[in-house]
Structures are given as structure tokens and as C-alpha cells.
Amino acid sequence: MQPAAHVDAVASISSEVRLRYRPNLLRFDLASLQLVVLCADLGSLTVAVKQLHCSLSTGSYRLSALEDALGVLIFLRDHQGLQLTREGDHIIGRCRTILALVEQMQAKT
């Protein structure tokens, strides 16, 4: 490959990667996914953070950051606890799948 053609190919790949790169999706981790699944199962952020041994403020921040990163409201919040939204129900299923895959990977190593 000639040098100029190589540069053009790299530029083309680079622009494709930039189009697919979504920096907001990198703002959460597996702990956030675990938290959101526990919140869905328990209906309470307070109980979920106690089980995960983290503070309420940390849990609230993680939950809000995940919602911001995904651009959806996962839970409706009120004085009685948390209720999944329609989008949240879909996301919880995906979170469960991701966490199960991670467990499978850990079991094989």
C-alpha cells in the first residue's frame, strides 16, 4: 500500500469509529448495572445500596448517571419507592443479560 493510500484508509476508518463512539456509554460500570437490577428487584434504592454496601448518595449518583448515559428514565421515583418505566423494564433485561455474561466469563477463567 502506498503511503498516501494508507493515510486515506486510516482517515476513513477513524471517521467511522468517531461516528460509532458514544462517550456517554462509558460513564457507567458493572456496579451501576448491579445497582439498577437490585433497585428493580427490591423497589428501593435505600435497600439496594445497603445490600451493595455503598452510600445512598453514591447509589443515587450512579443511578442518575446511568439514566443520563442511556438517555432514558429507568425508574419513576416517589415516596413509596421506585417503579420501572417501560424503557426501564427493557433496560433491566439487558442489564441482567450483561451481568450473566460477565458471570459466565468469570466462571470460565
PDB file of N, CA and C in Angstrom:
ATOM      1  N   MET A   1       0.844  -1.166   0.000  1.00  0.00           N
ATOM      2  CA  MET A   1       0.000   0.000   0.000  1.00  0.00           C
ATOM      3  C   MET A   1       0.888   1.226   0.000  1.00  0.00           C
ATOM      4  N   GLN A   2       0.563   2.181  -0.810  1.00  0.00           N
ATOM      5  CA  GLN A   2       1.338   3.407  -0.864  1.00  0.00           C
ATOM      6  C   GLN A   2       1.027   4.260   0.364  1.00  0.00           C
ATOM      7  N   PRO A   3       1.973   5.102   0.780  1.00  0.00           N
ATOM      8  CA  PRO A   3       1.762   5.908   1.983  1.00  0.00           C
ATOM      9  C   PRO A   3       0.497   6.767   1.922  1.00  0.00           C
ATOM     10  N   ALA A   4       0.224   7.421   0.808  1.00  0.00           N
ATOM     11  CA  ALA A   4      -0.962   8.287   0.709  1.00  0.00           C
ATOM     12  C   ALA A   4      -2.242   7.467   0.820  1.00  0.00           C
ATOM     13  N   ALA A   5      -2.258   6.285   0.205  1.00  0.00           N
ATOM     14  CA  ALA A   5      -3.438   5.422   0.279  1.00  0.00           C
ATOM     15  C   ALA A   5      -3.642   4.926   1.708  1.00  0.00           C
ATOM     16  N   HIS A   6      -2.527   4.652   2.382  1.00  0.00           N
ATOM     17  CA  HIS A   6      -2.607   4.207   3.766  1.00  0.00           C
ATOM     18  C   HIS A   6      -3.231   5.294   4.647  1.00  0.00           C
ATOM     19  N   VAL A   7      -2.811   6.518   4.469  1.00  0.00           N
ATOM     20  CA  VAL A   7      -3.348   7.640   5.248  1.00  0.00           C
ATOM     21  C   VAL A   7      -4.838   7.801   4.977  1.00  0.00           C
ATOM     22  N   ASP A   8      -5.248   7.679   3.706  1.00  0.00           N
ATOM     23  CA  ASP A   8      -6.672   7.780   3.377  1.00  0.00           C
ATOM     24  C   ASP A   8      -7.476   6.662   4.038  1.00  0.00           C
ATOM     25  N   ALA A   9      -6.935   5.451   4.048  1.00  0.00           N
ATOM     26  CA  ALA A   9      -7.636   4.322   4.658  1.00  0.00           C
ATOM     27  C   ALA A   9      -7.777   4.526   6.162  1.00  0.00           C
ATOM     28  N   VAL A  10      -6.713   5.009   6.802  1.00  0.00           N
ATOM     29  CA  VAL A  10      -6.756   5.265   8.238  1.00  0.00           C
ATOM     30  C   VAL A  10      -7.756   6.377   8.544  1.00  0.00           C
ATOM     31  N   ALA A  11      -7.776   7.425   7.745  1.00  0.00           N
ATOM     32  CA  ALA A  11      -8.719   8.522   7.947  1.00  0.00           C
ATOM     33  C   ALA A  11     -10.155   8.035   7.802  1.00  0.00           C
ATOM     34  N   SER A  12     -10.389   7.143   6.846  1.00  0.00           N
ATOM     35  CA  SER A  12     -11.724   6.607   6.643  1.00  0.00           C
ATOM     36  C   SER A  12     -12.166   5.771   7.844  1.00  0.00           C
ATOM     37  N   ILE A  13     -11.285   4.923   8.329  1.00  0.00           N
ATOM     38  CA  ILE A  13     -11.599   4.096   9.500  1.00  0.00           C
ATOM     39  C   ILE A  13     -11.814   4.982  10.721  1.00  0.00           C
ATOM     40  N   SER A  14     -10.963   5.982  10.868  1.00  0.00           N
ATOM     41  CA  SER A  14     -11.065   6.877  12.005  1.00  0.00           C
ATOM     42  C   SER A  14     -12.408   7.607  12.025  1.00  0.00           C
ATOM     43  N   SER A  15     -12.890   8.060  10.874  1.00  0.00           N
ATOM     44  CA  SER A  15     -14.166   8.766  10.845  1.00  0.00           C
ATOM     45  C   SER A  15     -15.318   7.814  11.147  1.00  0.00           C
ATOM     46  N   GLU A  16     -15.219   6.548  10.728  1.00  0.00           N
ATOM     47  CA  GLU A  16     -16.261   5.568  11.042  1.00  0.00           C
ATOM     48  C   GLU A  16     -16.298   5.302  12.542  1.00  0.00           C
ATOM     49  N   VAL A  17     -15.132   5.197  13.161  1.00  0.00           N
ATOM     50  CA  VAL A  17     -15.064   4.943  14.594  1.00  0.00           C
ATOM     51  C   VAL A  17     -15.648   6.124  15.355  1.00  0.00           C
ATOM     52  N   ARG A  18     -15.353   7.342  14.936  1.00  0.00           N
ATOM     53  CA  ARG A  18     -15.899   8.510  15.612  1.00  0.00           C
ATOM     54  C   ARG A  18     -17.415   8.541  15.540  1.00  0.00           C
ATOM     55  N   LEU A  19     -17.989   8.098  14.451  1.00  0.00           N
ATOM     56  CA  LEU A  19     -19.438   8.093  14.319  1.00  0.00           C
ATOM     57  C   LEU A  19     -20.077   7.095  15.282  1.00  0.00           C
ATOM     58  N   ARG A  20     -19.405   5.994  15.544  1.00  0.00           N
ATOM     59  CA  ARG A  20     -19.954   4.973  16.418  1.00  0.00           C
ATOM     60  C   ARG A  20     -19.584   5.182  17.881  1.00  0.00           C
ATOM     61  N   TYR A  21     -18.588   5.989  18.154  1.00  0.00           N
ATOM     62  CA  TYR A  21     -18.118   6.218  19.521  1.00  0.00           C
ATOM     63  C   TYR A  21     -19.139   7.055  20.274  1.00  0.00           C
ATOM     64  N   ARG A  22     -19.596   6.558  21.403  1.00  0.00           N
ATOM     65  CA  ARG A  22     -20.575   7.270  22.215  1.00  0.00           C
ATOM     66  C   ARG A  22     -20.003   7.420  23.618  1.00  0.00           C
ATOM     67  N   PRO A  23     -19.374   8.556  23.901  1.00  0.00           N
ATOM     68  CA  PRO A  23     -18.685   8.714  25.181  1.00  0.00           C
ATOM     69  C   PRO A  23     -19.593   8.567  26.389  1.00  0.00           C
ATOM     70  N   ASN A  24     -20.868   8.893  26.306  1.00  0.00           N
ATOM     71  CA  ASN A  24     -21.759   8.761  27.457  1.00  0.00           C
ATOM     72  C   ASN A  24     -21.904   7.314  27.897  1.00  0.00           C
ATOM     73  N   LEU A  25     -21.763   6.374  26.978  1.00  0.00           N
ATOM     74  CA  LEU A  25     -21.912   4.971  27.337  1.00  0.00           C
ATOM     75  C   LEU A  25     -20.751   4.472  28.183  1.00  0.00           C
ATOM     76  N   LEU A  26     -19.691   5.241  28.247  1.00  0.00           N
ATOM     77  CA  LEU A  26     -18.540   4.830  29.039  1.00  0.00           C
ATOM     78  C   LEU A  26     -18.603   5.372  30.462  1.00  0.00           C
ATOM     79  N   ARG A  27     -19.695   6.037  30.823  1.00  0.00           N
ATOM     80  CA  ARG A  27     -19.794   6.664  32.136  1.00  0.00           C
ATOM     81  C   ARG A  27     -20.409   5.752  33.187  1.00  0.00           C
ATOM     82  N   PHE A  28     -20.584   4.508  32.904  1.00  0.00           N
ATOM     83  CA  PHE A  28     -21.098   3.605  33.925  1.00  0.00           C
ATOM     84  C   PHE A  28     -20.326   2.297  33.884  1.00  0.00           C
ATOM     85  N   ASP A  29     -20.473   1.528  34.932  1.00  0.00           N
ATOM     86  CA  ASP A  29     -19.717   0.281  35.054  1.00  0.00           C
ATOM     87  C   ASP A  29     -20.630  -0.844  35.523  1.00  0.00           C
ATOM     88  N   LEU A  30     -20.048  -1.994  35.775  1.00  0.00           N
ATOM     89  CA  LEU A  30     -20.843  -3.150  36.186  1.00  0.00           C
ATOM     90  C   LEU A  30     -21.533  -2.914  37.523  1.00  0.00           C
ATOM     91  N   ALA A  31     -20.909  -2.159  38.407  1.00  0.00           N
ATOM     92  CA  ALA A  31     -21.534  -1.862  39.699  1.00  0.00           C
ATOM     93  C   ALA A  31     -22.833  -1.080  39.495  1.00  0.00           C
ATOM     94  N   SER A  32     -22.853  -0.206  38.510  1.00  0.00           N
ATOM     95  CA  SER A  32     -24.078   0.542  38.209  1.00  0.00           C
ATOM     96  C   SER A  32     -25.160  -0.386  37.681  1.00  0.00           C
ATOM     97  N   LEU A  33     -24.767  -1.348  36.865  1.00  0.00           N
ATOM     98  CA  LEU A  33     -25.735  -2.310  36.349  1.00  0.00           C
ATOM     99  C   LEU A  33     -26.281  -3.172  37.484  1.00  0.00           C
ATOM    100  N   GLN A  34     -25.410  -3.592  38.393  1.00  0.00           N
ATOM    101  CA  GLN A  34     -25.856  -4.370  39.551  1.00  0.00           C
ATOM    102  C   GLN A  34     -26.834  -3.559  40.399  1.00  0.00           C
ATOM    103  N   LEU A  35     -26.524  -2.301  40.587  1.00  0.00           N
ATOM    104  CA  LEU A  35     -27.388  -1.429  41.383  1.00  0.00           C
ATOM    105  C   LEU A  35     -28.768  -1.299  40.757  1.00  0.00           C
ATOM    106  N   VAL A  36     -28.826  -1.062  39.469  1.00  0.00           N
ATOM    107  CA  VAL A  36     -30.117  -0.852  38.824  1.00  0.00           C
ATOM    108  C   VAL A  36     -30.957  -2.133  38.852  1.00  0.00           C
ATOM    109  N   VAL A  37     -30.327  -3.287  38.723  1.00  0.00           N
ATOM    110  CA  VAL A  37     -31.061  -4.550  38.800  1.00  0.00           C
ATOM    111  C   VAL A  37     -31.587  -4.766  40.221  1.00  0.00           C
ATOM    112  N   LEU A  38     -30.755  -4.495  41.222  1.00  0.00           N
ATOM    113  CA  LEU A  38     -31.211  -4.627  42.607  1.00  0.00           C
ATOM    114  C   LEU A  38     -32.355  -3.668  42.911  1.00  0.00           C
ATOM    115  N   CYS A  39     -32.253  -2.445  42.426  1.00  0.00           N
ATOM    116  CA  CYS A  39     -33.334  -1.470  42.617  1.00  0.00           C
ATOM    117  C   CYS A  39     -34.633  -1.979  42.005  1.00  0.00           C
ATOM    118  N   ALA A  40     -34.543  -2.562  40.842  1.00  0.00           N
ATOM    119  CA  ALA A  40     -35.735  -3.107  40.176  1.00  0.00           C
ATOM    120  C   ALA A  40     -36.310  -4.264  40.980  1.00  0.00           C
ATOM    121  N   ASP A  41     -35.446  -5.127  41.489  1.00  0.00           N
ATOM    122  CA  ASP A  41     -35.908  -6.289  42.247  1.00  0.00           C
ATOM    123  C   ASP A  41     -36.514  -5.894  43.591  1.00  0.00           C
ATOM    124  N   LEU A  42     -35.905  -4.902  44.243  1.00  0.00           N
ATOM    125  CA  LEU A  42     -36.316  -4.537  45.595  1.00  0.00           C
ATOM    126  C   LEU A  42     -37.307  -3.376  45.643  1.00  0.00           C
ATOM    127  N   GLY A  43     -37.333  -2.581  44.563  1.00  0.00           N
ATOM    128  CA  GLY A  43     -38.218  -1.415  44.537  1.00  0.00           C
ATOM    129  C   GLY A  43     -37.757  -0.277  45.420  1.00  0.00           C
ATOM    130  N   SER A  44     -36.499  -0.331  45.844  1.00  0.00           N
ATOM    131  CA  SER A  44     -35.993   0.678  46.773  1.00  0.00           C
ATOM    132  C   SER A  44     -34.499   0.905  46.562  1.00  0.00           C
ATOM    133  N   LEU A  45     -34.129   2.149  46.370  1.00  0.00           N
ATOM    134  CA  LEU A  45     -32.712   2.493  46.269  1.00  0.00           C
ATOM    135  C   LEU A  45     -32.042   2.337  47.626  1.00  0.00           C
ATOM    136  N   THR A  46     -32.723   2.719  48.691  1.00  0.00           N
ATOM    137  CA  THR A  46     -32.157   2.643  50.045  1.00  0.00           C
ATOM    138  C   THR A  46     -31.770   1.209  50.405  1.00  0.00           C
ATOM    139  N   VAL A  47     -32.654   0.270  50.135  1.00  0.00           N
ATOM    140  CA  VAL A  47     -32.375  -1.136  50.455  1.00  0.00           C
ATOM    141  C   VAL A  47     -31.275  -1.673  49.531  1.00  0.00           C
ATOM    142  N   ALA A  48     -31.307  -1.282  48.271  1.00  0.00           N
ATOM    143  CA  ALA A  48     -30.304  -1.759  47.311  1.00  0.00           C
ATOM    144  C   ALA A  48     -28.896  -1.310  47.704  1.00  0.00           C
ATOM    145  N   VAL A  49     -28.738  -0.030  48.083  1.00  0.00           N
ATOM    146  CA  VAL A  49     -27.390   0.445  48.437  1.00  0.00           C
ATOM    147  C   VAL A  49     -26.893  -0.206  49.719  1.00  0.00           C
ATOM    148  N   LYS A  50     -27.807  -0.522  50.630  1.00  0.00           N
ATOM    149  CA  LYS A  50     -27.388  -1.231  51.849  1.00  0.00           C
ATOM    150  C   LYS A  50     -26.835  -2.609  51.494  1.00  0.00           C
ATOM    151  N   GLN A  51     -27.487  -3.291  50.566  1.00  0.00           N
ATOM    152  CA  GLN A  51     -27.009  -4.618  50.165  1.00  0.00           C
ATOM    153  C   GLN A  51     -25.671  -4.541  49.443  1.00  0.00           C
ATOM    154  N   LEU A  52     -25.443  -3.440  48.735  1.00  0.00           N
ATOM    155  CA  LEU A  52     -24.181  -3.267  47.998  1.00  0.00           C
ATOM    156  C   LEU A  52     -23.105  -2.572  48.833  1.00  0.00           C
ATOM    157  N   HIS A  53     -23.447  -2.214  50.072  1.00  0.00           N
ATOM    158  CA  HIS A  53     -22.506  -1.568  50.989  1.00  0.00           C
ATOM    159  C   HIS A  53     -21.944  -0.262  50.417  1.00  0.00           C
ATOM    160  N   CYS A  54     -22.829   0.564  49.902  1.00  0.00           N
ATOM    161  CA  CYS A  54     -22.410   1.894  49.458  1.00  0.00           C
ATOM    162  C   CYS A  54     -23.402   2.919  50.010  1.00  0.00           C
ATOM    163  N   SER A  55     -23.041   4.175  49.921  1.00  0.00           N
ATOM    164  CA  SER A  55     -23.895   5.220  50.482  1.00  0.00           C
ATOM    165  C   SER A  55     -25.080   5.506  49.562  1.00  0.00           C
ATOM    166  N   LEU A  56     -26.112   6.090  50.146  1.00  0.00           N
ATOM    167  CA  LEU A  56     -27.291   6.463  49.376  1.00  0.00           C
ATOM    168  C   LEU A  56     -26.933   7.495  48.310  1.00  0.00           C
ATOM    169  N   SER A  57     -26.061   8.446  48.653  1.00  0.00           N
ATOM    170  CA  SER A  57     -25.683   9.472  47.676  1.00  0.00           C
ATOM    171  C   SER A  57     -24.919   8.863  46.499  1.00  0.00           C
ATOM    172  N   THR A  58     -24.059   7.890  46.778  1.00  0.00           N
ATOM    173  CA  THR A  58     -23.330   7.203  45.704  1.00  0.00           C
ATOM    174  C   THR A  58     -24.287   6.432  44.808  1.00  0.00           C
ATOM    175  N   GLY A  59     -25.216   5.719  45.418  1.00  0.00           N
ATOM    176  CA  GLY A  59     -26.199   4.962  44.645  1.00  0.00           C
ATOM    177  C   GLY A  59     -27.072   5.866  43.803  1.00  0.00           C
ATOM    178  N   SER A  60     -27.501   6.964  44.375  1.00  0.00           N
ATOM    179  CA  SER A  60     -28.334   7.920  43.639  1.00  0.00           C
ATOM    180  C   SER A  60     -27.567   8.500  42.454  1.00  0.00           C
ATOM    181  N   TYR A  61     -26.295   8.840  42.701  1.00  0.00           N
ATOM    182  CA  TYR A  61     -25.461   9.372  41.619  1.00  0.00           C
ATOM    183  C   TYR A  61     -25.286   8.339  40.506  1.00  0.00           C
ATOM    184  N   ARG A  62     -25.001   7.097  40.866  1.00  0.00           N
ATOM    185  CA  ARG A  62     -24.802   6.037  39.864  1.00  0.00           C
ATOM    186  C   ARG A  62     -26.058   5.816  39.040  1.00  0.00           C
ATOM    187  N   LEU A  63     -27.193   5.802  39.699  1.00  0.00           N
ATOM    188  CA  LEU A  63     -28.454   5.595  39.000  1.00  0.00           C
ATOM    189  C   LEU A  63     -28.743   6.749  38.040  1.00  0.00           C
ATOM    190  N   SER A  64     -28.560   7.961  38.500  1.00  0.00           N
ATOM    191  CA  SER A  64     -28.775   9.134  37.635  1.00  0.00           C
ATOM    192  C   SER A  64     -27.786   9.169  36.473  1.00  0.00           C
ATOM    193  N   ALA A  65     -26.524   8.808  36.754  1.00  0.00           N
ATOM    194  CA  ALA A  65     -25.509   8.806  35.690  1.00  0.00           C
ATOM    195  C   ALA A  65     -25.847   7.775  34.619  1.00  0.00           C
ATOM    196  N   LEU A  66     -26.343   6.619  35.036  1.00  0.00           N
ATOM    197  CA  LEU A  66     -26.724   5.590  34.069  1.00  0.00           C
ATOM    198  C   LEU A  66     -27.901   6.074  33.223  1.00  0.00           C
ATOM    199  N   GLU A  67     -28.887   6.673  33.857  1.00  0.00           N
ATOM    200  CA  GLU A  67     -30.025   7.211  33.108  1.00  0.00           C
ATOM    201  C   GLU A  67     -29.573   8.296  32.129  1.00  0.00           C
ATOM    202  N   ASP A  68     -28.679   9.168  32.576  1.00  0.00           N
ATOM    203  CA  ASP A  68     -28.154  10.211  31.681  1.00  0.00           C
ATOM    204  C   ASP A  68     -27.393   9.608  30.514  1.00  0.00           C
ATOM    205  N   ALA A  69     -26.556   8.612  30.808  1.00  0.00           N
ATOM    206  CA  ALA A  69     -25.747   7.991  29.761  1.00  0.00           C
ATOM    207  C   ALA A  69     -26.617   7.318  28.712  1.00  0.00           C
ATOM    208  N   LEU A  70     -27.696   6.680  29.158  1.00  0.00           N
ATOM    209  CA  LEU A  70     -28.579   5.975  28.227  1.00  0.00           C
ATOM    210  C   LEU A  70     -29.650   6.884  27.633  1.00  0.00           C
ATOM    211  N   GLY A  71     -29.836   8.019  28.243  1.00  0.00           N
ATOM    212  CA  GLY A  71     -30.821   8.977  27.728  1.00  0.00           C
ATOM    213  C   GLY A  71     -32.268   8.579  27.984  1.00  0.00           C
ATOM    214  N   VAL A  72     -32.496   7.787  29.032  1.00  0.00           N
ATOM    215  CA  VAL A  72     -33.860   7.364  29.377  1.00  0.00           C
ATOM    216  C   VAL A  72     -34.057   7.427  30.888  1.00  0.00           C
ATOM    217  N   LEU A  73     -35.297   7.527  31.285  1.00  0.00           N
ATOM    218  CA  LEU A  73     -35.659   7.439  32.692  1.00  0.00           C
ATOM    219  C   LEU A  73     -35.959   5.973  32.978  1.00  0.00           C
ATOM    220  N   ILE A  74     -35.176   5.366  33.851  1.00  0.00           N
ATOM    221  CA  ILE A  74     -35.341   3.945  34.153  1.00  0.00           C
ATOM    222  C   ILE A  74     -36.429   3.743  35.200  1.00  0.00           C
ATOM    223  N   PHE A  75     -36.447   4.613  36.198  1.00  0.00           N
ATOM    224  CA  PHE A  75     -37.404   4.496  37.295  1.00  0.00           C
ATOM    225  C   PHE A  75     -38.201   5.779  37.473  1.00  0.00           C
ATOM    226  N   LEU A  76     -39.444   5.602  37.876  1.00  0.00           N
ATOM    227  CA  LEU A  76     -40.235   6.707  38.410  1.00  0.00           C
ATOM    228  C   LEU A  76     -40.009   6.680  39.911  1.00  0.00           C
ATOM    229  N   ARG A  77     -39.713   7.826  40.486  1.00  0.00           N
ATOM    230  CA  ARG A  77     -39.404   7.893  41.910  1.00  0.00           C
ATOM    231  C   ARG A  77     -40.538   8.611  42.635  1.00  0.00           C
ATOM    232  N   ASP A  78     -40.945   8.056  43.756  1.00  0.00           N
ATOM    233  CA  ASP A  78     -41.890   8.752  44.621  1.00  0.00           C
ATOM    234  C   ASP A  78     -41.637   8.316  46.063  1.00  0.00           C
ATOM    235  N   HIS A  79     -42.454   8.795  46.986  1.00  0.00           N
ATOM    236  CA  HIS A  79     -42.234   8.494  48.404  1.00  0.00           C
ATOM    237  C   HIS A  79     -42.416   7.012  48.736  1.00  0.00           C
ATOM    238  N   GLN A  80     -43.035   6.266  47.841  1.00  0.00           N
ATOM    239  CA  GLN A  80     -43.241   4.840  48.080  1.00  0.00           C
ATOM    240  C   GLN A  80     -42.116   3.979  47.527  1.00  0.00           C
ATOM    241  N   GLY A  81     -41.221   4.554  46.764  1.00  0.00           N
ATOM    242  CA  GLY A  81     -40.101   3.791  46.226  1.00  0.00           C
ATOM    243  C   GLY A  81     -39.909   4.020  44.740  1.00  0.00           C
ATOM    244  N   LEU A  82     -39.411   3.002  44.072  1.00  0.00           N
ATOM    245  CA  LEU A  82     -39.089   3.089  42.648  1.00  0.00           C
ATOM    246  C   LEU A  82     -40.031   2.201  41.843  1.00  0.00           C
ATOM    247  N   GLN A  83     -40.446   2.709  40.705  1.00  0.00           N
ATOM    248  CA  GLN A  83     -41.245   1.908  39.776  1.00  0.00           C
ATOM    249  C   GLN A  83     -40.575   1.978  38.412  1.00  0.00           C
ATOM    250  N   LEU A  84     -40.410   0.827  37.778  1.00  0.00           N
ATOM    251  CA  LEU A  84     -39.800   0.786  36.446  1.00  0.00           C
ATOM    252  C   LEU A  84     -40.678   1.479  35.419  1.00  0.00           C
ATOM    253  N   THR A  85     -40.047   2.227  34.539  1.00  0.00           N
ATOM    254  CA  THR A  85     -40.741   2.754  33.368  1.00  0.00           C
ATOM    255  C   THR A  85     -40.746   1.657  32.303  1.00  0.00           C
ATOM    256  N   ARG A  86     -41.441   1.875  31.228  1.00  0.00           N
ATOM    257  CA  ARG A  86     -41.444   0.902  30.127  1.00  0.00           C
ATOM    258  C   ARG A  86     -40.023   0.738  29.576  1.00  0.00           C
ATOM    259  N   GLU A  87     -39.323   1.864  29.395  1.00  0.00           N
ATOM    260  CA  GLU A  87     -37.942   1.802  28.906  1.00  0.00           C
ATOM    261  C   GLU A  87     -37.053   1.125  29.934  1.00  0.00           C
ATOM    262  N   GLY A  88     -37.323   1.403  31.218  1.00  0.00           N
ATOM    263  CA  GLY A  88     -36.546   0.801  32.287  1.00  0.00           C
ATOM    264  C   GLY A  88     -36.679  -0.707  32.317  1.00  0.00           C
ATOM    265  N   ASP A  89     -37.878  -1.194  32.054  1.00  0.00           N
ATOM    266  CA  ASP A  89     -38.098  -2.640  32.023  1.00  0.00           C
ATOM    267  C   ASP A  89     -37.245  -3.293  30.941  1.00  0.00           C
ATOM    268  N   HIS A  90     -37.156  -2.644  29.793  1.00  0.00           N
ATOM    269  CA  HIS A  90     -36.321  -3.150  28.697  1.00  0.00           C
ATOM    270  C   HIS A  90     -34.842  -3.118  29.098  1.00  0.00           C
ATOM    271  N   ILE A  91     -34.424  -2.036  29.726  1.00  0.00           N
ATOM    272  CA  ILE A  91     -33.021  -1.877  30.117  1.00  0.00           C
ATOM    273  C   ILE A  91     -32.638  -2.899  31.184  1.00  0.00           C
ATOM    274  N   ILE A  92     -33.535  -3.168  32.121  1.00  0.00           N
ATOM    275  CA  ILE A  92     -33.247  -4.142  33.175  1.00  0.00           C
ATOM    276  C   ILE A  92     -32.958  -5.512  32.564  1.00  0.00           C
ATOM    277  N   GLY A  93     -33.726  -5.889  31.557  1.00  0.00           N
ATOM    278  CA  GLY A  93     -33.473  -7.160  30.873  1.00  0.00           C
ATOM    279  C   GLY A  93     -32.086  -7.203  30.267  1.00  0.00           C
ATOM    280  N   ARG A  94     -31.682  -6.094  29.655  1.00  0.00           N
ATOM    281  CA  ARG A  94     -30.333  -6.029  29.077  1.00  0.00           C
ATOM    282  C   ARG A  94     -29.257  -6.069  30.159  1.00  0.00           C
ATOM    283  N   CYS A  95     -29.505  -5.375  31.269  1.00  0.00           N
ATOM    284  CA  CYS A  95     -28.539  -5.388  32.377  1.00  0.00           C
ATOM    285  C   CYS A  95     -28.363  -6.801  32.916  1.00  0.00           C
ATOM    286  N   ARG A  96     -29.470  -7.520  33.065  1.00  0.00           N
ATOM    287  CA  ARG A  96     -29.394  -8.897  33.551  1.00  0.00           C
ATOM    288  C   ARG A  96     -28.578  -9.768  32.594  1.00  0.00           C
ATOM    289  N   THR A  97     -28.777  -9.564  31.310  1.00  0.00           N
ATOM    290  CA  THR A  97     -28.025 -10.323  30.308  1.00  0.00           C
ATOM    291  C   THR A  97     -26.533 -10.028  30.405  1.00  0.00           C
ATOM    292  N   ILE A  98     -26.179  -8.768  30.503  1.00  0.00           N
ATOM    293  CA  ILE A  98     -24.769  -8.373  30.600  1.00  0.00           C
ATOM    294  C   ILE A  98     -24.139  -8.968  31.849  1.00  0.00           C
ATOM    295  N   LEU A  99     -24.825  -8.859  32.983  1.00  0.00           N
ATOM    296  CA  LEU A  99     -24.279  -9.389  34.235  1.00  0.00           C
ATOM    297  C   LEU A  99     -24.139 -10.908  34.188  1.00  0.00           C
ATOM    298  N   ALA A 100     -25.086 -11.586  33.553  1.00  0.00           N
ATOM    299  CA  ALA A 100     -24.987 -13.051  33.407  1.00  0.00           C
ATOM    300  C   ALA A 100     -23.796 -13.425  32.532  1.00  0.00           C
ATOM    301  N   LEU A 101     -23.566 -12.674  31.470  1.00  0.00           N
ATOM    302  CA  LEU A 101     -22.417 -12.934  30.602  1.00  0.00           C
ATOM    303  C   LEU A 101     -21.103 -12.736  31.355  1.00  0.00           C
ATOM    304  N   VAL A 102     -21.035 -11.711  32.173  1.00  0.00           N
ATOM    305  CA  VAL A 102     -19.828 -11.466  32.958  1.00  0.00           C
ATOM    306  C   VAL A 102     -19.600 -12.616  33.938  1.00  0.00           C
ATOM    307  N   GLU A 103     -20.670 -13.082  34.573  1.00  0.00           N
ATOM    308  CA  GLU A 103     -20.535 -14.222  35.494  1.00  0.00           C
ATOM    309  C   GLU A 103     -20.037 -15.457  34.762  1.00  0.00           C
ATOM    310  N   GLN A 104     -20.537 -15.692  33.551  1.00  0.00           N
ATOM    311  CA  GLN A 104     -20.087 -16.834  32.752  1.00  0.00           C
ATOM    312  C   GLN A 104     -18.603 -16.697  32.422  1.00  0.00           C
ATOM    313  N   MET A 105     -18.185 -15.498  32.053  1.00  0.00           N
ATOM    314  CA  MET A 105     -16.764 -15.282  31.736  1.00  0.00           C
ATOM    315  C   MET A 105     -15.895 -15.535  32.949  1.00  0.00           C
ATOM    316  N   GLN A 106     -16.344 -15.078  34.112  1.00  0.00           N
ATOM    317  CA  GLN A 106     -15.556 -15.284  35.330  1.00  0.00           C
ATOM    318  C   GLN A 106     -15.492 -16.762  35.699  1.00  0.00           C
ATOM    319  N   ALA A 107     -16.563 -17.484  35.453  1.00  0.00           N
ATOM    320  CA  ALA A 107     -16.602 -18.903  35.786  1.00  0.00           C
ATOM    321  C   ALA A 107     -15.658 -19.716  34.899  1.00  0.00           C
ATOM    322  N   LYS A 108     -15.403 -19.238  33.695  1.00  0.00           N
ATOM    323  CA  LYS A 108     -14.546 -19.973  32.759  1.00  0.00           C
ATOM    324  C   LYS A 108     -13.067 -19.647  32.922  1.00  0.00           C
ATOM    325  N   THR A 109     -12.738 -18.678  33.760  1.00  0.00           N
ATOM    326  CA  THR A 109     -11.332 -18.319  33.940  1.00  0.00           C
ATOM    327  C   THR A 109     -10.780 -18.842  35.227  1.00  0.00           C
TER     328      THR A 109
END
